[in-house]
């Protein structure tokens, strides 16, 4: 009788001991899991830092290359060796791009998007240089107008943006007819949004040779 009571009395103690052992085991498993997770996070952080370092190095390299391109382009423009000299266009550098600007009055009659006969000679010369010296480059053709509102041709063009885009398209189509691949070119029409010093200078089409190819 007394022995049984002693056994019954010990049972809660054993249960508590067993429970404590189980808690310690679970605590050990939780700690191991946290350590593994922490190591995984450290590894990820190392990868992110390495990627950032690589990106910074690449950006520094690209900045250096762009600076070299700008210097080379500026030298070409200054020395008159872009290849577009003699075409009747104005040549300038814009960052790392070459801008070949043809006066709108040379290309078109007032309010028209039909190329003049003289314009075709200018554009043929430009097309020849694009094909011989810049065959690996993409080309943007940007139309620009002055700020005068549409009056006589408003029903035809609606606004200056439309006219500038149609003029850029006319230039693109002519360059295509001269062998410049259409998939190298894209057009844009800015209307009066990027004026020059005078209305006459503002009316222009820019053929931009993009340095990034």
C-alpha atoms as a PDB file:
ATOM      1  CA  UNK A   1       0.000   0.000   0.000  1.00  0.00           C
ATOM      2  CA  UNK A   2       2.683   2.517   0.975  1.00  0.00           C
ATOM      3  CA  UNK A   3       4.953   1.393  -1.874  1.00  0.00           C
ATOM      4  CA  UNK A   4       2.183   1.978  -4.428  1.00  0.00           C
ATOM      5  CA  UNK A   5       1.570   5.430  -3.002  1.00  0.00           C
ATOM      6  CA  UNK A   6       5.262   6.218  -3.361  1.00  0.00           C
ATOM      7  CA  UNK A   7       5.169   5.124  -7.028  1.00  0.00           C
ATOM      8  CA  UNK A   8       2.093   7.212  -7.679  1.00  0.00           C
ATOM      9  CA  UNK A   9       3.757  10.142  -5.967  1.00  0.00           C
ATOM     10  CA  UNK A  10       6.856   9.818  -8.143  1.00  0.00           C
ATOM     11  CA  UNK A  11       4.888   9.663 -11.411  1.00  0.00           C
ATOM     12  CA  UNK A  12       4.293  13.434 -11.702  1.00  0.00           C
ATOM     13  CA  UNK A  13       7.983  14.052 -11.048  1.00  0.00           C
ATOM     14  CA  UNK A  14       8.972  11.657 -13.834  1.00  0.00           C
ATOM     15  CA  UNK A  15       6.467  13.275 -16.163  1.00  0.00           C
ATOM     16  CA  UNK A  16       7.883  16.693 -15.418  1.00  0.00           C
ATOM     17  CA  UNK A  17      11.397  15.418 -16.020  1.00  0.00           C
ATOM     18  CA  UNK A  18      10.381  13.831 -19.294  1.00  0.00           C
ATOM     19  CA  UNK A  19       8.576  17.015 -20.327  1.00  0.00           C
ATOM     20  CA  UNK A  20      11.640  19.132 -19.500  1.00  0.00           C
ATOM     21  CA  UNK A  21      13.815  16.833 -21.566  1.00  0.00           C
ATOM     22  CA  UNK A  22      11.407  17.163 -24.494  1.00  0.00           C
ATOM     23  CA  UNK A  23      11.429  20.970 -24.192  1.00  0.00           C
ATOM     24  CA  UNK A  24      15.229  21.032 -24.184  1.00  0.00           C
ATOM     25  CA  UNK A  25      15.263  18.861 -27.277  1.00  0.00           C
ATOM     26  CA  UNK A  26      12.750  21.114 -29.052  1.00  0.00           C
ATOM     27  CA  UNK A  27      14.714  24.172 -27.950  1.00  0.00           C
ATOM     28  CA  UNK A  28      17.853  22.660 -29.433  1.00  0.00           C
ATOM     29  CA  UNK A  29      16.044  21.952 -32.711  1.00  0.00           C
ATOM     30  CA  UNK A  30      14.710  25.542 -32.849  1.00  0.00           C
ATOM     31  CA  UNK A  31      18.171  26.955 -32.257  1.00  0.00           C
ATOM     32  CA  UNK A  32      19.671  24.814 -35.020  1.00  0.00           C
ATOM     33  CA  UNK A  33      16.904  25.918 -37.386  1.00  0.00           C
ATOM     34  CA  UNK A  34      17.487  29.586 -36.567  1.00  0.00           C
ATOM     35  CA  UNK A  35      21.227  29.218 -37.077  1.00  0.00           C
ATOM     36  CA  UNK A  36      20.645  27.597 -40.474  1.00  0.00           C
ATOM     37  CA  UNK A  37      18.230  30.354 -41.480  1.00  0.00           C
ATOM     38  CA  UNK A  38      20.655  33.005 -40.320  1.00  0.00           C
ATOM     39  CA  UNK A  39      23.452  31.446 -42.373  1.00  0.00           C
ATOM     40  CA  UNK A  40      21.196  31.373 -45.419  1.00  0.00           C
ATOM     41  CA  UNK A  41      20.436  35.078 -44.970  1.00  0.00           C
ATOM     42  CA  UNK A  42      24.152  35.854 -44.652  1.00  0.00           C
ATOM     43  CA  UNK A  43      24.817  33.945 -47.858  1.00  0.00           C
ATOM     44  CA  UNK A  44      22.083  35.875 -49.658  1.00  0.00           C
ATOM     45  CA  UNK A  45      23.430  39.149 -48.348  1.00  0.00           C
ATOM     46  CA  UNK A  46      26.895  38.248 -49.648  1.00  0.00           C
ATOM     47  CA  UNK A  47      25.410  37.556 -53.096  1.00  0.00           C
ATOM     48  CA  UNK A  48      23.554  40.877 -53.100  1.00  0.00           C
ATOM     49  CA  UNK A  49      26.690  42.779 -52.082  1.00  0.00           C
ATOM     50  CA  UNK A  50      28.671  41.051 -54.813  1.00  0.00           C
ATOM     51  CA  UNK A  51      25.989  41.926 -57.377  1.00  0.00           C
ATOM     52  CA  UNK A  52      26.026  45.567 -56.253  1.00  0.00           C
ATOM     53  CA  UNK A  53      29.818  45.689 -56.500  1.00  0.00           C
ATOM     54  CA  UNK A  54      29.663  44.207 -60.002  1.00  0.00           C
ATOM     55  CA  UNK A  55      26.994  46.727 -61.030  1.00  0.00           C
ATOM     56  CA  UNK A  56      29.047  49.647 -59.706  1.00  0.00           C
ATOM     57  CA  UNK A  57      32.109  48.407 -61.574  1.00  0.00           C
ATOM     58  CA  UNK A  58      30.071  48.037 -64.780  1.00  0.00           C
ATOM     59  CA  UNK A  59      28.586  51.521 -64.391  1.00  0.00           C
ATOM     60  CA  UNK A  60      32.042  52.983 -63.899  1.00  0.00           C
ATOM     61  CA  UNK A  61      33.248  51.183 -67.029  1.00  0.00           C
ATOM     62  CA  UNK A  62      30.250  52.408 -69.071  1.00  0.00           C
ATOM     63  CA  UNK A  63      30.753  55.963 -67.840  1.00  0.00           C
ATOM     64  CA  UNK A  64      34.369  55.815 -68.942  1.00  0.00           C
ATOM     65  CA  UNK A  65      33.414  54.390 -72.342  1.00  0.00           C
ATOM     66  CA  UNK A  66      30.751  57.079 -72.837  1.00  0.00           C
ATOM     67  CA  UNK A  67      33.265  59.779 -71.963  1.00  0.00           C
ATOM     68  CA  UNK A  68      35.652  58.338 -74.557  1.00  0.00           C
ATOM     69  CA  UNK A  69      32.863  58.257 -77.161  1.00  0.00           C
ATOM     70  CA  UNK A  70      31.934  61.870 -76.445  1.00  0.00           C
ATOM     71  CA  UNK A  71      35.564  62.926 -76.834  1.00  0.00           C
ATOM     72  CA  UNK A  72      35.941  61.011 -80.106  1.00  0.00           C
ATOM     73  CA  UNK A  73      32.685  62.406 -81.459  1.00  0.00           C
ATOM     74  CA  UNK A  74      33.550  65.967 -80.477  1.00  0.00           C
ATOM     75  CA  UNK A  75      36.888  65.573 -82.251  1.00  0.00           C
ATOM     76  CA  UNK A  76      35.161  64.256 -85.382  1.00  0.00           C
ATOM     77  CA  UNK A  77      32.773  67.192 -85.462  1.00  0.00           C
ATOM     78  CA  UNK A  78      35.542  69.731 -84.778  1.00  0.00           C
ATOM     79  CA  UNK A  79      37.821  68.309 -87.452  1.00  0.00           C
ATOM     80  CA  UNK A  80      35.032  67.859 -89.991  1.00  0.00           C
ATOM     81  CA  UNK A  81      35.470  64.112 -90.310  1.00  0.00           C
ATOM     82  CA  UNK A  82      31.972  62.774 -89.631  1.00  0.00           C
ATOM     83  CA  UNK A  83      31.429  62.052 -93.327  1.00  0.00           C
ATOM     84  CA  UNK A  84      28.339  64.285 -93.562  1.00  0.00           C
ATOM     85  CA  UNK A  85      30.304  67.390 -94.455  1.00  0.00           C
ATOM     86  CA  UNK A  86      29.400  68.794 -97.861  1.00  0.00           C
ATOM     87  CA  UNK A  87      25.838  67.483 -97.753  1.00  0.00           C
ATOM     88  CA  UNK A  88      24.389  70.903 -96.980  1.00  0.00           C
ATOM     89  CA  UNK A  89      23.372  69.840 -93.473  1.00  0.00           C
ATOM     90  CA  UNK A  90      24.492  71.223 -90.127  1.00  0.00           C
ATOM     91  CA  UNK A  91      26.545  68.739 -88.078  1.00  0.00           C
ATOM     92  CA  UNK A  92      26.751  68.730 -84.290  1.00  0.00           C
ATOM     93  CA  UNK A  93      27.313  66.399 -81.348  1.00  0.00           C
ATOM     94  CA  UNK A  94      24.680  65.611 -78.727  1.00  0.00           C
ATOM     95  CA  UNK A  95      26.181  63.571 -75.905  1.00  0.00           C
ATOM     96  CA  UNK A  96      27.472  60.536 -77.817  1.00  0.00           C
ATOM     97  CA  UNK A  97      25.208  60.957 -80.873  1.00  0.00           C
ATOM     98  CA  UNK A  98      25.786  62.722 -84.197  1.00  0.00           C
ATOM     99  CA  UNK A  99      23.033  65.156 -85.174  1.00  0.00           C
ATOM    100  CA  UNK A 100      22.660  65.904 -88.889  1.00  0.00           C
ATOM    101  CA  UNK A 101      20.206  68.802 -89.087  1.00  0.00           C
ATOM    102  CA  UNK A 102      18.627  69.756 -92.413  1.00  0.00           C
ATOM    103  CA  UNK A 103      16.727  73.035 -92.601  1.00  0.00           C
ATOM    104  CA  UNK A 104      13.006  72.607 -93.092  1.00  0.00           C
ATOM    105  CA  UNK A 105      12.980  75.281 -95.799  1.00  0.00           C
ATOM    106  CA  UNK A 106      15.537  73.216 -97.725  1.00  0.00           C
ATOM    107  CA  UNK A 107      13.417  70.102 -97.470  1.00  0.00           C
ATOM    108  CA  UNK A 108       9.829  71.320 -97.828  1.00  0.00           C
ATOM    109  CA  UNK A 109       7.580  74.086 -99.060  1.00  0.00           C
ATOM    110  CA  UNK A 110       5.717  75.948 -96.333  1.00  0.00           C
ATOM    111  CA  UNK A 111       2.972  73.783 -94.842  1.00  0.00           C
ATOM    112  CA  UNK A 112       3.987  70.781 -96.971  1.00  0.00           C
ATOM    113  CA  UNK A 113       5.425  67.336 -96.245  1.00  0.00           C
ATOM    114  CA  UNK A 114       6.429  66.693 -99.856  1.00  0.00           C
ATOM    115  CA  UNK A 115      10.180  66.759-100.401  1.00  0.00           C
ATOM    116  CA  UNK A 116      11.648  69.384-102.711  1.00  0.00           C
ATOM    117  CA  UNK A 117      13.805  68.162-105.606  1.00  0.00           C
ATOM    118  CA  UNK A 118      16.873  69.854-104.095  1.00  0.00           C
ATOM    119  CA  UNK A 119      16.197  68.118-100.783  1.00  0.00           C
ATOM    120  CA  UNK A 120      16.580  64.735-102.394  1.00  0.00           C
ATOM    121  CA  UNK A 121      20.171  65.502-103.380  1.00  0.00           C
ATOM    122  CA  UNK A 122      20.986  66.439 -99.789  1.00  0.00           C
ATOM    123  CA  UNK A 123      19.306  63.332 -98.415  1.00  0.00           C
ATOM    124  CA  UNK A 124      20.975  61.077-101.004  1.00  0.00           C
ATOM    125  CA  UNK A 125      24.376  62.293 -99.789  1.00  0.00           C
ATOM    126  CA  UNK A 126      23.376  61.660 -96.176  1.00  0.00           C
ATOM    127  CA  UNK A 127      22.055  58.188 -97.030  1.00  0.00           C
ATOM    128  CA  UNK A 128      25.340  57.290 -98.714  1.00  0.00           C
ATOM    129  CA  UNK A 129      27.284  58.177 -95.561  1.00  0.00           C
ATOM    130  CA  UNK A 130      24.826  56.343 -93.315  1.00  0.00           C
ATOM    131  CA  UNK A 131      25.328  53.198 -95.384  1.00  0.00           C
ATOM    132  CA  UNK A 132      29.100  53.427 -95.784  1.00  0.00           C
ATOM    133  CA  UNK A 133      30.257  54.702 -92.385  1.00  0.00           C
ATOM    134  CA  UNK A 134      27.411  54.097 -89.912  1.00  0.00           C
ATOM    135  CA  UNK A 135      25.811  50.871 -91.119  1.00  0.00           C
ATOM    136  CA  UNK A 136      25.746  49.368 -87.605  1.00  0.00           C
ATOM    137  CA  UNK A 137      23.959  52.307 -85.983  1.00  0.00           C
ATOM    138  CA  UNK A 138      20.300  52.999 -85.313  1.00  0.00           C
ATOM    139  CA  UNK A 139      18.907  56.284 -86.577  1.00  0.00           C
ATOM    140  CA  UNK A 140      16.300  58.617 -85.157  1.00  0.00           C
ATOM    141  CA  UNK A 141      14.602  61.043 -87.529  1.00  0.00           C
ATOM    142  CA  UNK A 142      13.075  63.957 -85.623  1.00  0.00           C
ATOM    143  CA  UNK A 143      10.787  66.535 -87.200  1.00  0.00           C
ATOM    144  CA  UNK A 144      10.556  70.076 -85.760  1.00  0.00           C
ATOM    145  CA  UNK A 145       8.493  73.155 -86.631  1.00  0.00           C
ATOM    146  CA  UNK A 146       8.280  76.762 -85.510  1.00  0.00           C
ATOM    147  CA  UNK A 147       5.623  77.912 -83.045  1.00  0.00           C
ATOM    148  CA  UNK A 148       3.279  79.593 -85.544  1.00  0.00           C
ATOM    149  CA  UNK A 149      -0.230  78.114 -85.248  1.00  0.00           C
ATOM    150  CA  UNK A 150      -1.746  76.262 -88.163  1.00  0.00           C
ATOM    151  CA  UNK A 151      -3.975  78.395 -90.345  1.00  0.00           C
ATOM    152  CA  UNK A 152      -3.990  77.725 -94.074  1.00  0.00           C
ATOM    153  CA  UNK A 153      -3.184  73.990 -93.706  1.00  0.00           C
ATOM    154  CA  UNK A 154      -4.956  73.303 -90.391  1.00  0.00           C
ATOM    155  CA  UNK A 155      -7.556  71.045 -92.019  1.00  0.00           C
ATOM    156  CA  UNK A 156      -4.768  68.957 -93.545  1.00  0.00           C
ATOM    157  CA  UNK A 157      -2.388  68.626 -90.597  1.00  0.00           C
ATOM    158  CA  UNK A 158      -4.458  69.613 -87.540  1.00  0.00           C
ATOM    159  CA  UNK A 159      -1.378  70.852 -85.642  1.00  0.00           C
ATOM    160  CA  UNK A 160       2.384  71.316 -85.823  1.00  0.00           C
ATOM    161  CA  UNK A 161       3.096  67.976 -84.123  1.00  0.00           C
ATOM    162  CA  UNK A 162       1.322  66.144 -86.927  1.00  0.00           C
ATOM    163  CA  UNK A 163       3.142  68.129 -89.619  1.00  0.00           C
ATOM    164  CA  UNK A 164       6.541  67.516 -87.994  1.00  0.00           C
ATOM    165  CA  UNK A 165       5.860  63.776 -87.756  1.00  0.00           C
ATOM    166  CA  UNK A 166       4.782  63.598 -91.423  1.00  0.00           C
ATOM    167  CA  UNK A 167       7.925  65.430 -92.480  1.00  0.00           C
ATOM    168  CA  UNK A 168      10.083  63.014 -90.491  1.00  0.00           C
ATOM    169  CA  UNK A 169       8.234  60.148 -92.170  1.00  0.00           C
ATOM    170  CA  UNK A 170       8.872  61.632 -95.624  1.00  0.00           C
ATOM    171  CA  UNK A 171      12.598  61.791 -94.862  1.00  0.00           C
ATOM    172  CA  UNK A 172      12.619  58.236 -93.530  1.00  0.00           C
ATOM    173  CA  UNK A 173      10.886  56.913 -96.648  1.00  0.00           C
ATOM    174  CA  UNK A 174      13.348  58.662 -98.924  1.00  0.00           C
ATOM    175  CA  UNK A 175      16.346  57.330 -96.994  1.00  0.00           C
ATOM    176  CA  UNK A 176      14.808  53.866 -97.276  1.00  0.00           C
ATOM    177  CA  UNK A 177      14.566  54.305-101.043  1.00  0.00           C
ATOM    178  CA  UNK A 178      18.300  55.067-100.995  1.00  0.00           C
ATOM    179  CA  UNK A 179      19.175  51.778 -99.322  1.00  0.00           C
ATOM    180  CA  UNK A 180      19.058  52.662 -95.618  1.00  0.00           C
ATOM    181  CA  UNK A 181      17.354  49.723 -93.893  1.00  0.00           C
ATOM    182  CA  UNK A 182      13.936  50.689 -92.530  1.00  0.00           C
ATOM    183  CA  UNK A 183      14.434  48.598 -89.387  1.00  0.00           C
ATOM    184  CA  UNK A 184      17.364  50.832 -88.400  1.00  0.00           C
ATOM    185  CA  UNK A 185      15.216  53.958 -88.296  1.00  0.00           C
ATOM    186  CA  UNK A 186      12.414  55.380 -86.189  1.00  0.00           C
ATOM    187  CA  UNK A 187      10.697  58.742 -86.391  1.00  0.00           C
ATOM    188  CA  UNK A 188       9.394  61.322 -83.941  1.00  0.00           C
ATOM    189  CA  UNK A 189       7.540  64.600 -84.311  1.00  0.00           C
ATOM    190  CA  UNK A 190       8.227  67.333 -81.770  1.00  0.00           C
ATOM    191  CA  UNK A 191       6.366  70.201 -83.388  1.00  0.00           C
ATOM    192  CA  UNK A 192       7.494  73.487 -81.751  1.00  0.00           C
ATOM    193  CA  UNK A 193       8.545  71.811 -78.471  1.00  0.00           C
ATOM    194  CA  UNK A 194      12.315  72.178 -79.065  1.00  0.00           C
ATOM    195  CA  UNK A 195      12.806  75.593 -80.712  1.00  0.00           C
ATOM    196  CA  UNK A 196      16.066  77.067 -81.959  1.00  0.00           C
ATOM    197  CA  UNK A 197      17.118  80.719 -81.876  1.00  0.00           C
ATOM    198  CA  UNK A 198      14.836  81.733 -84.747  1.00  0.00           C
ATOM    199  CA  UNK A 199      11.700  80.433 -86.434  1.00  0.00           C
ATOM    200  CA  UNK A 200      13.705  79.593 -89.538  1.00  0.00           C
ATOM    201  CA  UNK A 201      16.219  77.543 -87.548  1.00  0.00           C
ATOM    202  CA  UNK A 202      13.411  75.851 -85.612  1.00  0.00           C
ATOM    203  CA  UNK A 203      11.974  74.409 -88.831  1.00  0.00           C
ATOM    204  CA  UNK A 204      14.202  71.415 -89.384  1.00  0.00           C
ATOM    205  CA  UNK A 205      14.515  67.639 -89.582  1.00  0.00           C
ATOM    206  CA  UNK A 206      17.277  66.053 -87.522  1.00  0.00           C
ATOM    207  CA  UNK A 207      18.805  62.763 -88.615  1.00  0.00           C
ATOM    208  CA  UNK A 208      20.450  61.471 -85.436  1.00  0.00           C
ATOM    209  CA  UNK A 209      23.042  58.696 -85.579  1.00  0.00           C
ATOM    210  CA  UNK A 210      22.777  56.931 -82.228  1.00  0.00           C
ATOM    211  CA  UNK A 211      26.077  55.897 -80.696  1.00  0.00           C
ATOM    212  CA  UNK A 212      24.655  52.864 -78.882  1.00  0.00           C
ATOM    213  CA  UNK A 213      24.125  51.074 -82.175  1.00  0.00           C
END
